[in-house]
């Protein structure tokens, strides 16, 4: 896993084997951050990375200057790897938690500028994630929500949906919070 750009660009991280993850490809991650560059000042943003896995998106956001990053994963070893790596790299603005993402969303009171979700593509609940985020009002006004998913998932009728982008086998559905 590699951090693409920012202050830590080019740094390679080595997650332990056996984590239940499917990291976002460098190709898709580069495209994602190109999209974000034209829509969001990441240096002034707070980020929530749900289903963070190895923390690839969290570390990329930290490297690019995000002011606060919260990473959440249902698997203890994923959250531990993200916290341990953040500590090793001196990232005091990044904290990971082991939690069910829907329970986290329900209890969270902080409002984020960017929310990225990378759930298992086959998860039965994937279509409910954007609705839960909007229902619990954890995305700031004009904030951006991006859900990574497989080709069979369609968010086009969900609240706040703006567009879908496809990069190989990776699909990003992009949402914006409008009043």
C-alpha atoms as a PDB file:
ATOM      1  CA  UNK A   1       0.000   0.000   0.000  1.00  0.00           C
ATOM      2  CA  UNK A   2       1.409   3.351  -1.043  1.00  0.00           C
ATOM      3  CA  UNK A   3       0.605   6.942  -0.142  1.00  0.00           C
ATOM      4  CA  UNK A   4       0.350   8.687  -3.503  1.00  0.00           C
ATOM      5  CA  UNK A   5       0.793  12.386  -2.745  1.00  0.00           C
ATOM      6  CA  UNK A   6       1.236  15.036  -0.088  1.00  0.00           C
ATOM      7  CA  UNK A   7       3.840  15.278   2.643  1.00  0.00           C
ATOM      8  CA  UNK A   8       4.119  11.483   2.873  1.00  0.00           C
ATOM      9  CA  UNK A   9       3.795  10.818  -0.867  1.00  0.00           C
ATOM     10  CA  UNK A  10       5.656   7.707  -1.995  1.00  0.00           C
ATOM     11  CA  UNK A  11       5.766   6.173   1.465  1.00  0.00           C
ATOM     12  CA  UNK A  12       4.952   2.466   1.427  1.00  0.00           C
ATOM     13  CA  UNK A  13       2.967   0.959   4.302  1.00  0.00           C
ATOM     14  CA  UNK A  14       2.922  -2.742   5.036  1.00  0.00           C
ATOM     15  CA  UNK A  15      -0.367  -3.923   6.558  1.00  0.00           C
ATOM     16  CA  UNK A  16      -0.266  -7.326   8.209  1.00  0.00           C
ATOM     17  CA  UNK A  17      -1.427 -10.324   6.225  1.00  0.00           C
ATOM     18  CA  UNK A  18      -4.875 -11.670   6.959  1.00  0.00           C
ATOM     19  CA  UNK A  19      -6.776  -8.404   7.222  1.00  0.00           C
ATOM     20  CA  UNK A  20     -10.234  -8.750   5.646  1.00  0.00           C
ATOM     21  CA  UNK A  21      -9.660  -5.958   3.126  1.00  0.00           C
ATOM     22  CA  UNK A  22      -9.771  -5.027  -0.545  1.00  0.00           C
ATOM     23  CA  UNK A  23      -7.687  -1.839  -0.743  1.00  0.00           C
ATOM     24  CA  UNK A  24      -8.639   0.838  -3.263  1.00  0.00           C
ATOM     25  CA  UNK A  25      -6.255   0.599  -6.227  1.00  0.00           C
ATOM     26  CA  UNK A  26      -3.686   3.358  -6.796  1.00  0.00           C
ATOM     27  CA  UNK A  27      -5.374   4.095 -10.143  1.00  0.00           C
ATOM     28  CA  UNK A  28      -8.791   4.601  -8.509  1.00  0.00           C
ATOM     29  CA  UNK A  29      -7.307   6.450  -5.524  1.00  0.00           C
ATOM     30  CA  UNK A  30      -5.521   8.910  -7.841  1.00  0.00           C
ATOM     31  CA  UNK A  31      -8.783   9.520  -9.723  1.00  0.00           C
ATOM     32  CA  UNK A  32     -10.674   9.965  -6.442  1.00  0.00           C
ATOM     33  CA  UNK A  33      -8.293  12.622  -5.163  1.00  0.00           C
ATOM     34  CA  UNK A  34      -8.357  14.405  -8.525  1.00  0.00           C
ATOM     35  CA  UNK A  35     -12.144  14.583  -8.183  1.00  0.00           C
ATOM     36  CA  UNK A  36     -11.857  15.882  -4.627  1.00  0.00           C
ATOM     37  CA  UNK A  37      -9.258  18.519  -5.539  1.00  0.00           C
ATOM     38  CA  UNK A  38     -11.820  20.414  -7.599  1.00  0.00           C
ATOM     39  CA  UNK A  39     -14.622  20.122  -5.023  1.00  0.00           C
ATOM     40  CA  UNK A  40     -13.090  20.402  -1.567  1.00  0.00           C
ATOM     41  CA  UNK A  41     -10.249  22.138   0.270  1.00  0.00           C
ATOM     42  CA  UNK A  42      -8.904  19.021   1.950  1.00  0.00           C
ATOM     43  CA  UNK A  43      -6.542  21.019   4.185  1.00  0.00           C
ATOM     44  CA  UNK A  44      -9.516  22.647   5.888  1.00  0.00           C
ATOM     45  CA  UNK A  45     -11.608  19.484   6.020  1.00  0.00           C
ATOM     46  CA  UNK A  46     -12.632  16.883   8.526  1.00  0.00           C
ATOM     47  CA  UNK A  47     -12.812  13.347   7.139  1.00  0.00           C
ATOM     48  CA  UNK A  48     -14.694  10.211   8.156  1.00  0.00           C
ATOM     49  CA  UNK A  49     -13.408   6.987   6.583  1.00  0.00           C
ATOM     50  CA  UNK A  50     -15.974   4.222   7.134  1.00  0.00           C
ATOM     51  CA  UNK A  51     -14.986   0.592   6.486  1.00  0.00           C
ATOM     52  CA  UNK A  52     -11.441   1.966   6.503  1.00  0.00           C
ATOM     53  CA  UNK A  53      -9.671  -1.382   6.159  1.00  0.00           C
ATOM     54  CA  UNK A  54      -5.936  -0.638   5.903  1.00  0.00           C
ATOM     55  CA  UNK A  55      -6.585   3.108   6.202  1.00  0.00           C
ATOM     56  CA  UNK A  56      -5.361   3.834   2.686  1.00  0.00           C
ATOM     57  CA  UNK A  57      -7.805   6.732   2.213  1.00  0.00           C
ATOM     58  CA  UNK A  58      -7.244   8.017   5.756  1.00  0.00           C
ATOM     59  CA  UNK A  59      -3.465   8.105   5.304  1.00  0.00           C
ATOM     60  CA  UNK A  60      -3.841   9.796   1.929  1.00  0.00           C
ATOM     61  CA  UNK A  61      -6.076  12.473   3.490  1.00  0.00           C
ATOM     62  CA  UNK A  62      -3.605  12.964   6.356  1.00  0.00           C
ATOM     63  CA  UNK A  63      -0.710  13.282   3.908  1.00  0.00           C
ATOM     64  CA  UNK A  64      -2.675  15.970   2.052  1.00  0.00           C
ATOM     65  CA  UNK A  65      -3.299  17.990   5.216  1.00  0.00           C
ATOM     66  CA  UNK A  66      -6.822  17.107   6.411  1.00  0.00           C
ATOM     67  CA  UNK A  67      -7.322  18.645   9.846  1.00  0.00           C
ATOM     68  CA  UNK A  68      -9.231  15.749  11.463  1.00  0.00           C
ATOM     69  CA  UNK A  69      -9.588  12.156  10.289  1.00  0.00           C
ATOM     70  CA  UNK A  70     -11.723   9.516  11.947  1.00  0.00           C
ATOM     71  CA  UNK A  71     -11.411   5.975  10.622  1.00  0.00           C
ATOM     72  CA  UNK A  72     -13.875   3.225  11.510  1.00  0.00           C
ATOM     73  CA  UNK A  73     -13.814  -0.484  10.782  1.00  0.00           C
ATOM     74  CA  UNK A  74     -15.689  -3.472  12.195  1.00  0.00           C
ATOM     75  CA  UNK A  75     -12.455  -5.451  12.498  1.00  0.00           C
ATOM     76  CA  UNK A  76     -10.192  -4.827  15.491  1.00  0.00           C
ATOM     77  CA  UNK A  77      -6.970  -5.567  13.594  1.00  0.00           C
ATOM     78  CA  UNK A  78      -7.804  -3.000  10.903  1.00  0.00           C
ATOM     79  CA  UNK A  79      -8.391  -0.258  13.479  1.00  0.00           C
ATOM     80  CA  UNK A  80      -5.259  -1.321  15.376  1.00  0.00           C
ATOM     81  CA  UNK A  81      -3.108  -1.172  12.227  1.00  0.00           C
ATOM     82  CA  UNK A  82      -4.407   2.319  11.375  1.00  0.00           C
ATOM     83  CA  UNK A  83      -3.837   3.613  14.931  1.00  0.00           C
ATOM     84  CA  UNK A  84      -0.383   2.035  15.221  1.00  0.00           C
ATOM     85  CA  UNK A  85       0.702   3.370  11.832  1.00  0.00           C
ATOM     86  CA  UNK A  86      -0.673   6.856  12.535  1.00  0.00           C
ATOM     87  CA  UNK A  87       1.230   6.917  15.823  1.00  0.00           C
ATOM     88  CA  UNK A  88       4.450   5.748  14.139  1.00  0.00           C
ATOM     89  CA  UNK A  89       4.105   8.510  11.522  1.00  0.00           C
ATOM     90  CA  UNK A  90       3.253  11.179  14.109  1.00  0.00           C
ATOM     91  CA  UNK A  91      -0.282  11.757  12.838  1.00  0.00           C
ATOM     92  CA  UNK A  92      -2.121  13.169  15.839  1.00  0.00           C
ATOM     93  CA  UNK A  93      -5.039  14.174  13.588  1.00  0.00           C
ATOM     94  CA  UNK A  94      -5.938  10.548  12.716  1.00  0.00           C
ATOM     95  CA  UNK A  95      -7.753   8.178  15.035  1.00  0.00           C
ATOM     96  CA  UNK A  96      -9.302   4.790  14.240  1.00  0.00           C
ATOM     97  CA  UNK A  97     -12.096   2.972  16.043  1.00  0.00           C
ATOM     98  CA  UNK A  98     -13.397  -0.579  15.945  1.00  0.00           C
ATOM     99  CA  UNK A  99     -17.154  -0.256  15.558  1.00  0.00           C
ATOM    100  CA  UNK A 100     -20.162  -1.301  13.536  1.00  0.00           C
ATOM    101  CA  UNK A 101     -20.478   1.572  11.065  1.00  0.00           C
ATOM    102  CA  UNK A 102     -24.251   1.961  11.438  1.00  0.00           C
ATOM    103  CA  UNK A 103     -23.974   2.147  15.236  1.00  0.00           C
ATOM    104  CA  UNK A 104     -21.134   4.643  14.848  1.00  0.00           C
ATOM    105  CA  UNK A 105     -23.200   6.805  12.464  1.00  0.00           C
ATOM    106  CA  UNK A 106     -26.177   6.661  14.822  1.00  0.00           C
ATOM    107  CA  UNK A 107     -24.155   7.858  17.838  1.00  0.00           C
ATOM    108  CA  UNK A 108     -21.749  10.267  16.113  1.00  0.00           C
ATOM    109  CA  UNK A 109     -22.293  13.963  16.841  1.00  0.00           C
ATOM    110  CA  UNK A 110     -19.368  15.406  14.883  1.00  0.00           C
ATOM    111  CA  UNK A 111     -20.189  16.734  11.399  1.00  0.00           C
ATOM    112  CA  UNK A 112     -17.689  15.903   8.635  1.00  0.00           C
ATOM    113  CA  UNK A 113     -16.824  17.680   5.387  1.00  0.00           C
ATOM    114  CA  UNK A 114     -15.879  14.467   3.590  1.00  0.00           C
ATOM    115  CA  UNK A 115     -17.163  10.973   4.263  1.00  0.00           C
ATOM    116  CA  UNK A 116     -15.682   8.058   2.357  1.00  0.00           C
ATOM    117  CA  UNK A 117     -17.204   4.583   2.613  1.00  0.00           C
ATOM    118  CA  UNK A 118     -15.599   1.449   1.170  1.00  0.00           C
ATOM    119  CA  UNK A 119     -17.787  -1.456   2.306  1.00  0.00           C
ATOM    120  CA  UNK A 120     -17.563  -5.025   1.071  1.00  0.00           C
ATOM    121  CA  UNK A 121     -19.086  -4.855  -2.412  1.00  0.00           C
ATOM    122  CA  UNK A 122     -21.424  -7.778  -1.659  1.00  0.00           C
ATOM    123  CA  UNK A 123     -22.747  -6.333   1.645  1.00  0.00           C
ATOM    124  CA  UNK A 124     -26.556  -6.515   1.705  1.00  0.00           C
ATOM    125  CA  UNK A 125     -26.719  -3.148   3.515  1.00  0.00           C
ATOM    126  CA  UNK A 126     -24.591  -1.148   1.068  1.00  0.00           C
ATOM    127  CA  UNK A 127     -27.602   0.646  -0.458  1.00  0.00           C
ATOM    128  CA  UNK A 128     -28.624   1.929   3.013  1.00  0.00           C
ATOM    129  CA  UNK A 129     -25.353   3.670   3.870  1.00  0.00           C
ATOM    130  CA  UNK A 130     -25.975   7.040   2.203  1.00  0.00           C
ATOM    131  CA  UNK A 131     -29.483   7.289   3.681  1.00  0.00           C
ATOM    132  CA  UNK A 132     -28.119   6.599   7.186  1.00  0.00           C
ATOM    133  CA  UNK A 133     -25.484   9.318   6.816  1.00  0.00           C
ATOM    134  CA  UNK A 134     -28.039  11.902   5.671  1.00  0.00           C
ATOM    135  CA  UNK A 135     -30.599  10.822   8.277  1.00  0.00           C
ATOM    136  CA  UNK A 136     -28.136  11.265  11.152  1.00  0.00           C
ATOM    137  CA  UNK A 137     -26.823  14.580   9.764  1.00  0.00           C
ATOM    138  CA  UNK A 138     -23.098  13.873  10.079  1.00  0.00           C
ATOM    139  CA  UNK A 139     -22.216  15.391   6.676  1.00  0.00           C
ATOM    140  CA  UNK A 140     -21.711  19.161   6.636  1.00  0.00           C
ATOM    141  CA  UNK A 141     -23.668  21.481   4.361  1.00  0.00           C
ATOM    142  CA  UNK A 142     -21.970  21.219   0.944  1.00  0.00           C
ATOM    143  CA  UNK A 143     -20.046  18.234   2.303  1.00  0.00           C
ATOM    144  CA  UNK A 144     -19.155  15.331   0.033  1.00  0.00           C
ATOM    145  CA  UNK A 145     -19.975  11.661   0.542  1.00  0.00           C
ATOM    146  CA  UNK A 146     -18.266   9.076  -1.638  1.00  0.00           C
ATOM    147  CA  UNK A 147     -19.229   5.406  -1.582  1.00  0.00           C
ATOM    148  CA  UNK A 148     -16.970   2.895  -3.308  1.00  0.00           C
ATOM    149  CA  UNK A 149     -18.896  -0.072  -4.680  1.00  0.00           C
ATOM    150  CA  UNK A 150     -19.149  -2.737  -7.344  1.00  0.00           C
ATOM    151  CA  UNK A 151     -20.940  -2.415 -10.664  1.00  0.00           C
ATOM    152  CA  UNK A 152     -24.247  -3.935  -9.464  1.00  0.00           C
ATOM    153  CA  UNK A 153     -24.978  -1.177  -6.925  1.00  0.00           C
ATOM    154  CA  UNK A 154     -27.030   1.813  -8.076  1.00  0.00           C
ATOM    155  CA  UNK A 155     -27.379   4.896  -5.864  1.00  0.00           C
ATOM    156  CA  UNK A 156     -28.811   7.177  -8.551  1.00  0.00           C
ATOM    157  CA  UNK A 157     -32.192   7.532  -6.805  1.00  0.00           C
ATOM    158  CA  UNK A 158     -30.716   8.120  -3.322  1.00  0.00           C
ATOM    159  CA  UNK A 159     -30.841  11.526  -1.643  1.00  0.00           C
ATOM    160  CA  UNK A 160     -27.954  13.811  -2.542  1.00  0.00           C
ATOM    161  CA  UNK A 161     -26.656  11.653  -5.404  1.00  0.00           C
ATOM    162  CA  UNK A 162     -24.612  13.694  -7.903  1.00  0.00           C
ATOM    163  CA  UNK A 163     -22.788  11.247 -10.144  1.00  0.00           C
ATOM    164  CA  UNK A 164     -21.112   7.871 -10.537  1.00  0.00           C
ATOM    165  CA  UNK A 165     -17.557   7.402 -11.751  1.00  0.00           C
ATOM    166  CA  UNK A 166     -16.036   4.099 -12.865  1.00  0.00           C
ATOM    167  CA  UNK A 167     -12.335   3.208 -12.776  1.00  0.00           C
ATOM    168  CA  UNK A 168     -11.760  -0.400 -13.801  1.00  0.00           C
ATOM    169  CA  UNK A 169     -13.722  -2.540 -11.321  1.00  0.00           C
ATOM    170  CA  UNK A 170     -14.034   0.356  -8.871  1.00  0.00           C
ATOM    171  CA  UNK A 171     -17.129   2.555  -8.867  1.00  0.00           C
ATOM    172  CA  UNK A 172     -17.503   5.761  -6.858  1.00  0.00           C
ATOM    173  CA  UNK A 173     -20.940   7.199  -6.216  1.00  0.00           C
ATOM    174  CA  UNK A 174     -20.642  10.839  -5.232  1.00  0.00           C
ATOM    175  CA  UNK A 175     -23.177  12.659  -3.082  1.00  0.00           C
ATOM    176  CA  UNK A 176     -23.371  16.267  -1.934  1.00  0.00           C
ATOM    177  CA  UNK A 177     -25.283  17.614   1.023  1.00  0.00           C
ATOM    178  CA  UNK A 178     -27.562  20.424  -0.112  1.00  0.00           C
ATOM    179  CA  UNK A 179     -30.082  22.069   2.171  1.00  0.00           C
END
